[in-house]
Amino acid sequence: MLDTGDIVSTVAAATVRQLSHLAISRSSELAAYLRTAIDNAIRSQWRRSDRAPLNTTLGESFAGDETSPLDRLIGAERLRRYEAALQRLEAHEREAIVGRFEFAYGYDELARFLGKPSAGAARVAVHRAVKRLTEQARHV
């Protein structure tokens, strides 16, 4: 919506352009004409605002954090496939994947969890387990 000053300026400019076509003989008639024109312009703005949707923006703080039904379905299907493929692995491979990705162990911590001699050995065990998991997921 426009500011009141903007409406008055717009109406005054339009009136000046139309003065030669208006039959106004006294200043009181000009004042009445301007009042009516301004009232009409304000009413017109109100009518436009009722018809046109209000432009608003939602800040990032209002972004939805809920997942869509499709995303939930896809996520559930991926989780099902992951768990089925995980069950097809040997116990030490399962432990390497669960320790690294589900428990978020660092490689030093994972080496202790798996009974490996070093972080490098734990890293290799995870790499091999992920490779086998990927192969098994193709068959699920």
N, C-alpha and C. Protein backbone atom coordinates (compact mmCIF):
# COMPACT_ATOMS: atom_id res chain seq x y z
N MET A 1 0.84 -1.17 0.00
CA MET A 1 0.00 0.00 0.00
C MET A 1 0.88 1.23 0.00
N LEU A 2 0.35 2.28 -0.58
CA LEU A 2 1.07 3.53 -0.68
C LEU A 2 0.92 4.35 0.58
N ASP A 3 1.87 5.22 0.81
CA ASP A 3 1.78 6.19 1.89
C ASP A 3 0.76 7.26 1.49
N THR A 4 0.13 7.90 2.46
CA THR A 4 -0.88 8.93 2.17
C THR A 4 -0.29 10.05 1.31
N GLY A 5 0.93 10.45 1.62
CA GLY A 5 1.59 11.49 0.83
C GLY A 5 1.76 11.09 -0.63
N ASP A 6 2.03 9.81 -0.86
CA ASP A 6 2.16 9.31 -2.24
C ASP A 6 0.83 9.41 -2.98
N ILE A 7 -0.25 9.07 -2.29
CA ILE A 7 -1.57 9.14 -2.92
C ILE A 7 -1.92 10.57 -3.28
N VAL A 8 -1.69 11.50 -2.34
CA VAL A 8 -2.00 12.92 -2.60
C VAL A 8 -1.17 13.44 -3.76
N SER A 9 0.11 13.08 -3.80
CA SER A 9 0.97 13.54 -4.90
C SER A 9 0.50 13.00 -6.23
N THR A 10 0.13 11.73 -6.27
CA THR A 10 -0.34 11.12 -7.51
C THR A 10 -1.62 11.78 -7.99
N VAL A 11 -2.56 12.00 -7.07
CA VAL A 11 -3.84 12.64 -7.43
C VAL A 11 -3.60 14.08 -7.89
N ALA A 12 -2.73 14.82 -7.21
CA ALA A 12 -2.45 16.21 -7.59
C ALA A 12 -1.83 16.27 -8.98
N ALA A 13 -0.89 15.37 -9.27
CA ALA A 13 -0.25 15.36 -10.59
C ALA A 13 -1.28 15.04 -11.68
N ALA A 14 -2.16 14.09 -11.42
CA ALA A 14 -3.19 13.73 -12.41
C ALA A 14 -4.16 14.89 -12.60
N THR A 15 -4.47 15.60 -11.52
CA THR A 15 -5.39 16.74 -11.62
C THR A 15 -4.79 17.86 -12.45
N VAL A 16 -3.51 18.14 -12.25
CA VAL A 16 -2.85 19.19 -13.03
C VAL A 16 -2.90 18.85 -14.51
N ARG A 17 -2.69 17.57 -14.85
CA ARG A 17 -2.74 17.17 -16.26
C ARG A 17 -4.15 17.31 -16.84
N GLN A 18 -5.18 17.17 -16.00
CA GLN A 18 -6.57 17.20 -16.45
C GLN A 18 -7.25 18.57 -16.30
N LEU A 19 -6.53 19.57 -15.78
CA LEU A 19 -7.16 20.87 -15.50
C LEU A 19 -7.86 21.48 -16.71
N SER A 20 -7.28 21.33 -17.87
CA SER A 20 -7.89 21.94 -19.05
C SER A 20 -9.22 21.26 -19.43
N HIS A 21 -9.42 20.04 -18.99
CA HIS A 21 -10.64 19.31 -19.30
C HIS A 21 -11.71 19.45 -18.21
N LEU A 22 -11.35 20.01 -17.07
CA LEU A 22 -12.28 20.13 -15.95
C LEU A 22 -13.01 21.47 -16.01
N ALA A 23 -14.27 21.44 -15.63
CA ALA A 23 -15.08 22.67 -15.60
C ALA A 23 -15.12 23.16 -14.17
N ILE A 24 -14.05 23.81 -13.74
CA ILE A 24 -13.94 24.32 -12.37
C ILE A 24 -13.79 25.84 -12.45
N SER A 25 -14.70 26.55 -11.79
CA SER A 25 -14.65 28.01 -11.84
C SER A 25 -14.21 28.62 -10.52
N ARG A 26 -14.36 27.91 -9.42
CA ARG A 26 -13.98 28.47 -8.12
C ARG A 26 -13.00 27.52 -7.42
N SER A 27 -12.26 28.10 -6.48
CA SER A 27 -11.28 27.29 -5.75
C SER A 27 -11.97 26.26 -4.86
N SER A 28 -13.16 26.55 -4.37
CA SER A 28 -13.87 25.57 -3.54
C SER A 28 -14.25 24.34 -4.36
N GLU A 29 -14.55 24.53 -5.65
CA GLU A 29 -14.86 23.39 -6.51
C GLU A 29 -13.62 22.54 -6.73
N LEU A 30 -12.46 23.18 -6.88
CA LEU A 30 -11.20 22.46 -7.03
C LEU A 30 -10.90 21.65 -5.76
N ALA A 31 -11.10 22.26 -4.59
CA ALA A 31 -10.86 21.57 -3.32
C ALA A 31 -11.78 20.36 -3.19
N ALA A 32 -13.06 20.52 -3.54
CA ALA A 32 -14.01 19.41 -3.47
C ALA A 32 -13.61 18.30 -4.45
N TYR A 33 -13.17 18.71 -5.65
CA TYR A 33 -12.74 17.73 -6.66
C TYR A 33 -11.54 16.94 -6.13
N LEU A 34 -10.55 17.64 -5.55
CA LEU A 34 -9.35 16.97 -5.03
C LEU A 34 -9.70 16.03 -3.88
N ARG A 35 -10.58 16.48 -2.98
CA ARG A 35 -11.00 15.62 -1.87
C ARG A 35 -11.64 14.33 -2.38
N THR A 36 -12.52 14.47 -3.34
CA THR A 36 -13.20 13.30 -3.91
C THR A 36 -12.20 12.39 -4.62
N ALA A 37 -11.29 12.98 -5.37
CA ALA A 37 -10.28 12.19 -6.10
C ALA A 37 -9.37 11.44 -5.12
N ILE A 38 -9.00 12.11 -4.03
CA ILE A 38 -8.14 11.46 -3.03
C ILE A 38 -8.91 10.33 -2.34
N ASP A 39 -10.18 10.59 -1.98
CA ASP A 39 -11.00 9.54 -1.38
C ASP A 39 -11.11 8.32 -2.32
N ASN A 40 -11.35 8.60 -3.60
CA ASN A 40 -11.46 7.51 -4.58
C ASN A 40 -10.15 6.74 -4.71
N ALA A 41 -9.02 7.45 -4.69
CA ALA A 41 -7.72 6.79 -4.80
C ALA A 41 -7.47 5.89 -3.58
N ILE A 42 -7.85 6.39 -2.40
CA ILE A 42 -7.68 5.58 -1.19
C ILE A 42 -8.56 4.34 -1.24
N ARG A 43 -9.81 4.53 -1.65
CA ARG A 43 -10.72 3.37 -1.77
C ARG A 43 -10.19 2.36 -2.79
N SER A 44 -9.65 2.88 -3.88
CA SER A 44 -9.09 2.02 -4.90
C SER A 44 -7.93 1.18 -4.35
N GLN A 45 -7.08 1.82 -3.54
CA GLN A 45 -5.96 1.09 -2.92
C GLN A 45 -6.48 -0.01 -1.99
N TRP A 46 -7.52 0.30 -1.23
CA TRP A 46 -8.11 -0.71 -0.34
C TRP A 46 -8.68 -1.88 -1.14
N ARG A 47 -9.37 -1.57 -2.23
CA ARG A 47 -9.94 -2.65 -3.05
C ARG A 47 -8.83 -3.52 -3.63
N ARG A 48 -7.76 -2.90 -4.10
CA ARG A 48 -6.63 -3.67 -4.65
C ARG A 48 -6.02 -4.56 -3.58
N SER A 49 -5.89 -4.03 -2.37
CA SER A 49 -5.27 -4.82 -1.30
C SER A 49 -6.14 -6.02 -0.92
N ASP A 50 -7.46 -5.87 -1.05
CA ASP A 50 -8.35 -7.00 -0.76
C ASP A 50 -8.25 -8.08 -1.83
N ARG A 51 -8.03 -7.68 -3.08
CA ARG A 51 -7.96 -8.64 -4.18
C ARG A 51 -6.60 -9.27 -4.33
N ALA A 52 -5.55 -8.48 -4.12
CA ALA A 52 -4.20 -8.98 -4.33
C ALA A 52 -3.68 -9.63 -3.05
N PRO A 53 -2.98 -10.73 -3.18
CA PRO A 53 -2.42 -11.34 -1.98
C PRO A 53 -1.33 -10.45 -1.39
N LEU A 54 -1.22 -10.50 -0.10
CA LEU A 54 -0.22 -9.72 0.59
C LEU A 54 1.14 -10.36 0.37
N ASN A 55 2.10 -9.58 -0.09
CA ASN A 55 3.45 -10.12 -0.31
C ASN A 55 4.16 -10.20 1.03
N THR A 56 4.50 -11.39 1.40
CA THR A 56 5.25 -11.60 2.63
C THR A 56 6.37 -12.57 2.35
N THR A 57 7.35 -12.53 3.18
CA THR A 57 8.43 -13.50 3.08
C THR A 57 8.61 -14.14 4.44
N LEU A 58 8.85 -15.41 4.42
CA LEU A 58 9.14 -16.11 5.66
C LEU A 58 10.65 -16.16 5.81
N GLY A 59 11.11 -15.78 6.94
CA GLY A 59 12.54 -15.85 7.19
C GLY A 59 12.99 -17.30 7.28
N GLU A 60 14.26 -17.48 7.30
CA GLU A 60 14.78 -18.84 7.40
C GLU A 60 14.39 -19.50 8.71
N SER A 61 14.07 -18.68 9.71
CA SER A 61 13.71 -19.24 10.99
C SER A 61 12.36 -19.96 10.93
N PHE A 62 11.58 -19.74 9.88
CA PHE A 62 10.29 -20.38 9.76
C PHE A 62 10.31 -21.57 8.80
N ALA A 63 11.47 -21.93 8.35
CA ALA A 63 11.56 -23.05 7.40
C ALA A 63 11.07 -24.32 8.08
N GLY A 64 10.35 -25.15 7.33
CA GLY A 64 9.83 -26.39 7.87
C GLY A 64 10.95 -27.37 8.13
N ASP A 65 10.88 -28.05 9.24
CA ASP A 65 11.89 -29.05 9.55
C ASP A 65 11.31 -30.46 9.46
N GLU A 66 10.07 -30.55 9.04
CA GLU A 66 9.43 -31.85 8.92
C GLU A 66 9.70 -32.43 7.54
N THR A 67 10.00 -33.70 7.50
CA THR A 67 10.25 -34.34 6.20
C THR A 67 8.93 -34.70 5.55
N SER A 68 8.94 -34.72 4.25
CA SER A 68 7.73 -35.05 3.50
C SER A 68 7.44 -36.55 3.61
N PRO A 69 6.21 -36.95 3.35
CA PRO A 69 5.89 -38.39 3.38
C PRO A 69 6.75 -39.19 2.41
N LEU A 70 7.04 -38.61 1.23
CA LEU A 70 7.88 -39.32 0.27
C LEU A 70 9.29 -39.50 0.82
N ASP A 71 9.85 -38.43 1.41
CA ASP A 71 11.19 -38.54 1.98
C ASP A 71 11.23 -39.57 3.11
N ARG A 72 10.17 -39.60 3.92
CA ARG A 72 10.11 -40.61 4.99
C ARG A 72 10.06 -42.01 4.40
N LEU A 73 9.29 -42.18 3.33
CA LEU A 73 9.17 -43.49 2.69
C LEU A 73 10.51 -43.92 2.10
N ILE A 74 11.15 -43.00 1.40
CA ILE A 74 12.47 -43.31 0.81
C ILE A 74 13.48 -43.61 1.91
N GLY A 75 13.45 -42.80 2.96
CA GLY A 75 14.35 -43.02 4.09
C GLY A 75 14.12 -44.37 4.75
N ALA A 76 12.85 -44.72 4.92
CA ALA A 76 12.52 -46.01 5.52
C ALA A 76 12.99 -47.16 4.64
N GLU A 77 12.82 -47.00 3.32
CA GLU A 77 13.26 -48.04 2.39
C GLU A 77 14.78 -48.18 2.41
N ARG A 78 15.49 -47.06 2.45
CA ARG A 78 16.96 -47.12 2.52
C ARG A 78 17.42 -47.77 3.82
N LEU A 79 16.75 -47.40 4.92
CA LEU A 79 17.11 -47.99 6.21
C LEU A 79 16.86 -49.50 6.20
N ARG A 80 15.75 -49.92 5.62
CA ARG A 80 15.46 -51.34 5.52
C ARG A 80 16.53 -52.07 4.72
N ARG A 81 16.92 -51.47 3.59
CA ARG A 81 17.95 -52.09 2.75
C ARG A 81 19.30 -52.12 3.47
N TYR A 82 19.62 -51.03 4.17
CA TYR A 82 20.88 -50.96 4.92
C TYR A 82 20.92 -52.06 5.98
N GLU A 83 19.83 -52.17 6.74
CA GLU A 83 19.80 -53.17 7.81
C GLU A 83 19.84 -54.60 7.25
N ALA A 84 19.16 -54.83 6.13
CA ALA A 84 19.19 -56.16 5.52
C ALA A 84 20.59 -56.48 5.01
N ALA A 85 21.24 -55.51 4.39
CA ALA A 85 22.61 -55.74 3.90
C ALA A 85 23.57 -55.92 5.07
N LEU A 86 23.36 -55.18 6.13
CA LEU A 86 24.21 -55.27 7.32
C LEU A 86 24.13 -56.67 7.93
N GLN A 87 22.95 -57.26 7.92
CA GLN A 87 22.77 -58.61 8.46
C GLN A 87 23.47 -59.67 7.62
N ARG A 88 23.74 -59.36 6.38
CA ARG A 88 24.42 -60.32 5.50
C ARG A 88 25.94 -60.31 5.69
N LEU A 89 26.44 -59.33 6.45
CA LEU A 89 27.88 -59.23 6.70
C LEU A 89 28.30 -60.14 7.84
N GLU A 90 29.59 -60.39 7.93
CA GLU A 90 30.13 -61.13 9.06
C GLU A 90 30.16 -60.20 10.27
N ALA A 91 30.21 -60.77 11.44
CA ALA A 91 30.11 -60.01 12.69
C ALA A 91 31.18 -58.91 12.79
N HIS A 92 32.44 -59.22 12.43
CA HIS A 92 33.50 -58.21 12.55
C HIS A 92 33.28 -57.05 11.56
N GLU A 93 32.70 -57.32 10.39
CA GLU A 93 32.39 -56.25 9.43
C GLU A 93 31.24 -55.38 9.95
N ARG A 94 30.24 -56.04 10.51
CA ARG A 94 29.11 -55.30 11.09
C ARG A 94 29.59 -54.39 12.21
N GLU A 95 30.44 -54.90 13.07
CA GLU A 95 30.96 -54.11 14.19
C GLU A 95 31.76 -52.90 13.69
N ALA A 96 32.52 -53.07 12.64
CA ALA A 96 33.31 -51.96 12.09
C ALA A 96 32.39 -50.86 11.57
N ILE A 97 31.35 -51.23 10.86
CA ILE A 97 30.42 -50.23 10.31
C ILE A 97 29.61 -49.57 11.41
N VAL A 98 29.07 -50.35 12.31
CA VAL A 98 28.26 -49.79 13.40
C VAL A 98 29.12 -48.89 14.28
N GLY A 99 30.31 -49.33 14.62
CA GLY A 99 31.20 -48.51 15.46
C GLY A 99 31.57 -47.19 14.80
N ARG A 100 31.87 -47.22 13.53
CA ARG A 100 32.30 -46.00 12.84
C ARG A 100 31.13 -45.07 12.52
N PHE A 101 30.06 -45.59 11.95
CA PHE A 101 29.00 -44.73 11.44
C PHE A 101 27.82 -44.54 12.38
N GLU A 102 27.50 -45.53 13.17
CA GLU A 102 26.36 -45.37 14.09
C GLU A 102 26.81 -44.84 15.45
N PHE A 103 27.97 -45.30 15.94
CA PHE A 103 28.48 -44.81 17.21
C PHE A 103 29.41 -43.61 17.02
N ALA A 104 29.80 -43.33 15.77
CA ALA A 104 30.67 -42.19 15.41
C ALA A 104 32.02 -42.24 16.12
N TYR A 105 32.56 -43.44 16.28
CA TYR A 105 33.88 -43.57 16.87
C TYR A 105 34.94 -43.03 15.92
N GLY A 106 35.95 -42.37 16.47
CA GLY A 106 37.13 -42.02 15.69
C GLY A 106 37.92 -43.30 15.46
N TYR A 107 38.92 -43.24 14.58
CA TYR A 107 39.64 -44.48 14.26
C TYR A 107 40.45 -45.01 15.44
N ASP A 108 40.98 -44.14 16.30
CA ASP A 108 41.70 -44.63 17.49
C ASP A 108 40.75 -45.37 18.42
N GLU A 109 39.59 -44.78 18.65
CA GLU A 109 38.58 -45.38 19.50
C GLU A 109 38.05 -46.68 18.88
N LEU A 110 37.86 -46.64 17.58
CA LEU A 110 37.36 -47.81 16.86
C LEU A 110 38.36 -48.96 16.93
N ALA A 111 39.65 -48.64 16.86
CA ALA A 111 40.68 -49.68 16.96
C ALA A 111 40.57 -50.41 18.30
N ARG A 112 40.37 -49.66 19.38
CA ARG A 112 40.20 -50.30 20.69
C ARG A 112 38.92 -51.13 20.72
N PHE A 113 37.82 -50.58 20.15
CA PHE A 113 36.54 -51.28 20.12
C PHE A 113 36.63 -52.59 19.35
N LEU A 114 37.35 -52.57 18.23
CA LEU A 114 37.46 -53.76 17.37
C LEU A 114 38.61 -54.67 17.76
N GLY A 115 39.50 -54.21 18.66
CA GLY A 115 40.67 -55.00 19.04
C GLY A 115 41.74 -54.97 17.97
N LYS A 116 41.81 -53.88 17.21
CA LYS A 116 42.81 -53.73 16.15
C LYS A 116 44.06 -53.08 16.74
N PRO A 117 45.23 -53.33 16.13
CA PRO A 117 46.47 -52.79 16.69
C PRO A 117 46.68 -51.29 16.49
N SER A 118 45.97 -50.67 15.50
CA SER A 118 46.19 -49.24 15.24
C SER A 118 44.97 -48.62 14.58
N ALA A 119 45.00 -47.28 14.52
CA ALA A 119 43.92 -46.54 13.85
C ALA A 119 43.92 -46.88 12.36
N GLY A 120 45.10 -47.06 11.79
CA GLY A 120 45.19 -47.41 10.37
C GLY A 120 44.53 -48.76 10.10
N ALA A 121 44.73 -49.72 10.99
CA ALA A 121 44.11 -51.04 10.82
C ALA A 121 42.59 -50.92 10.93
N ALA A 122 42.12 -50.07 11.82
CA ALA A 122 40.67 -49.85 11.96
C ALA A 122 40.12 -49.20 10.69
N ARG A 123 40.87 -48.25 10.13
CA ARG A 123 40.45 -47.58 8.89
C ARG A 123 40.32 -48.58 7.75
N VAL A 124 41.28 -49.48 7.63
CA VAL A 124 41.23 -50.51 6.59
C VAL A 124 40.05 -51.44 6.82
N ALA A 125 39.78 -51.79 8.06
CA ALA A 125 38.66 -52.68 8.37
C ALA A 125 37.34 -52.01 7.97
N VAL A 126 37.21 -50.72 8.24
CA VAL A 126 35.98 -50.00 7.88
C VAL A 126 35.86 -49.95 6.36
N HIS A 127 36.95 -49.64 5.68
CA HIS A 127 36.92 -49.56 4.22
C HIS A 127 36.46 -50.88 3.61
N ARG A 128 37.02 -51.97 4.09
CA ARG A 128 36.64 -53.29 3.56
C ARG A 128 35.19 -53.63 3.90
N ALA A 129 34.75 -53.26 5.10
CA ALA A 129 33.37 -53.55 5.51
C ALA A 129 32.37 -52.74 4.68
N VAL A 130 32.71 -51.50 4.39
CA VAL A 130 31.82 -50.67 3.56
C VAL A 130 31.74 -51.24 2.14
N LYS A 131 32.86 -51.70 1.63
CA LYS A 131 32.87 -52.29 0.30
C LYS A 131 31.97 -53.52 0.27
N ARG A 132 32.04 -54.38 1.29
CA ARG A 132 31.19 -55.58 1.35
C ARG A 132 29.73 -55.20 1.55
N LEU A 133 29.48 -54.15 2.36
CA LEU A 133 28.11 -53.70 2.59
C LEU A 133 27.49 -53.22 1.28
N THR A 134 28.26 -52.49 0.49
CA THR A 134 27.79 -52.00 -0.80
C THR A 134 27.45 -53.17 -1.73
N GLU A 135 28.30 -54.17 -1.74
CA GLU A 135 28.04 -55.35 -2.56
C GLU A 135 26.77 -56.06 -2.10
N GLN A 136 26.60 -56.21 -0.80
CA GLN A 136 25.42 -56.92 -0.26
C GLN A 136 24.14 -56.11 -0.49
N ALA A 137 24.22 -54.78 -0.48
CA ALA A 137 23.04 -53.94 -0.67
C ALA A 137 22.48 -54.12 -2.07
N ARG A 138 23.30 -54.48 -3.02
CA ARG A 138 22.82 -54.72 -4.39
C ARG A 138 21.90 -55.94 -4.48
N HIS A 139 22.08 -56.86 -3.54
CA HIS A 139 21.32 -58.12 -3.55
C HIS A 139 20.08 -58.08 -2.67
N VAL A 140 19.86 -56.95 -2.04
CA VAL A 140 18.70 -56.85 -1.11
C VAL A 140 17.53 -56.20 -1.83
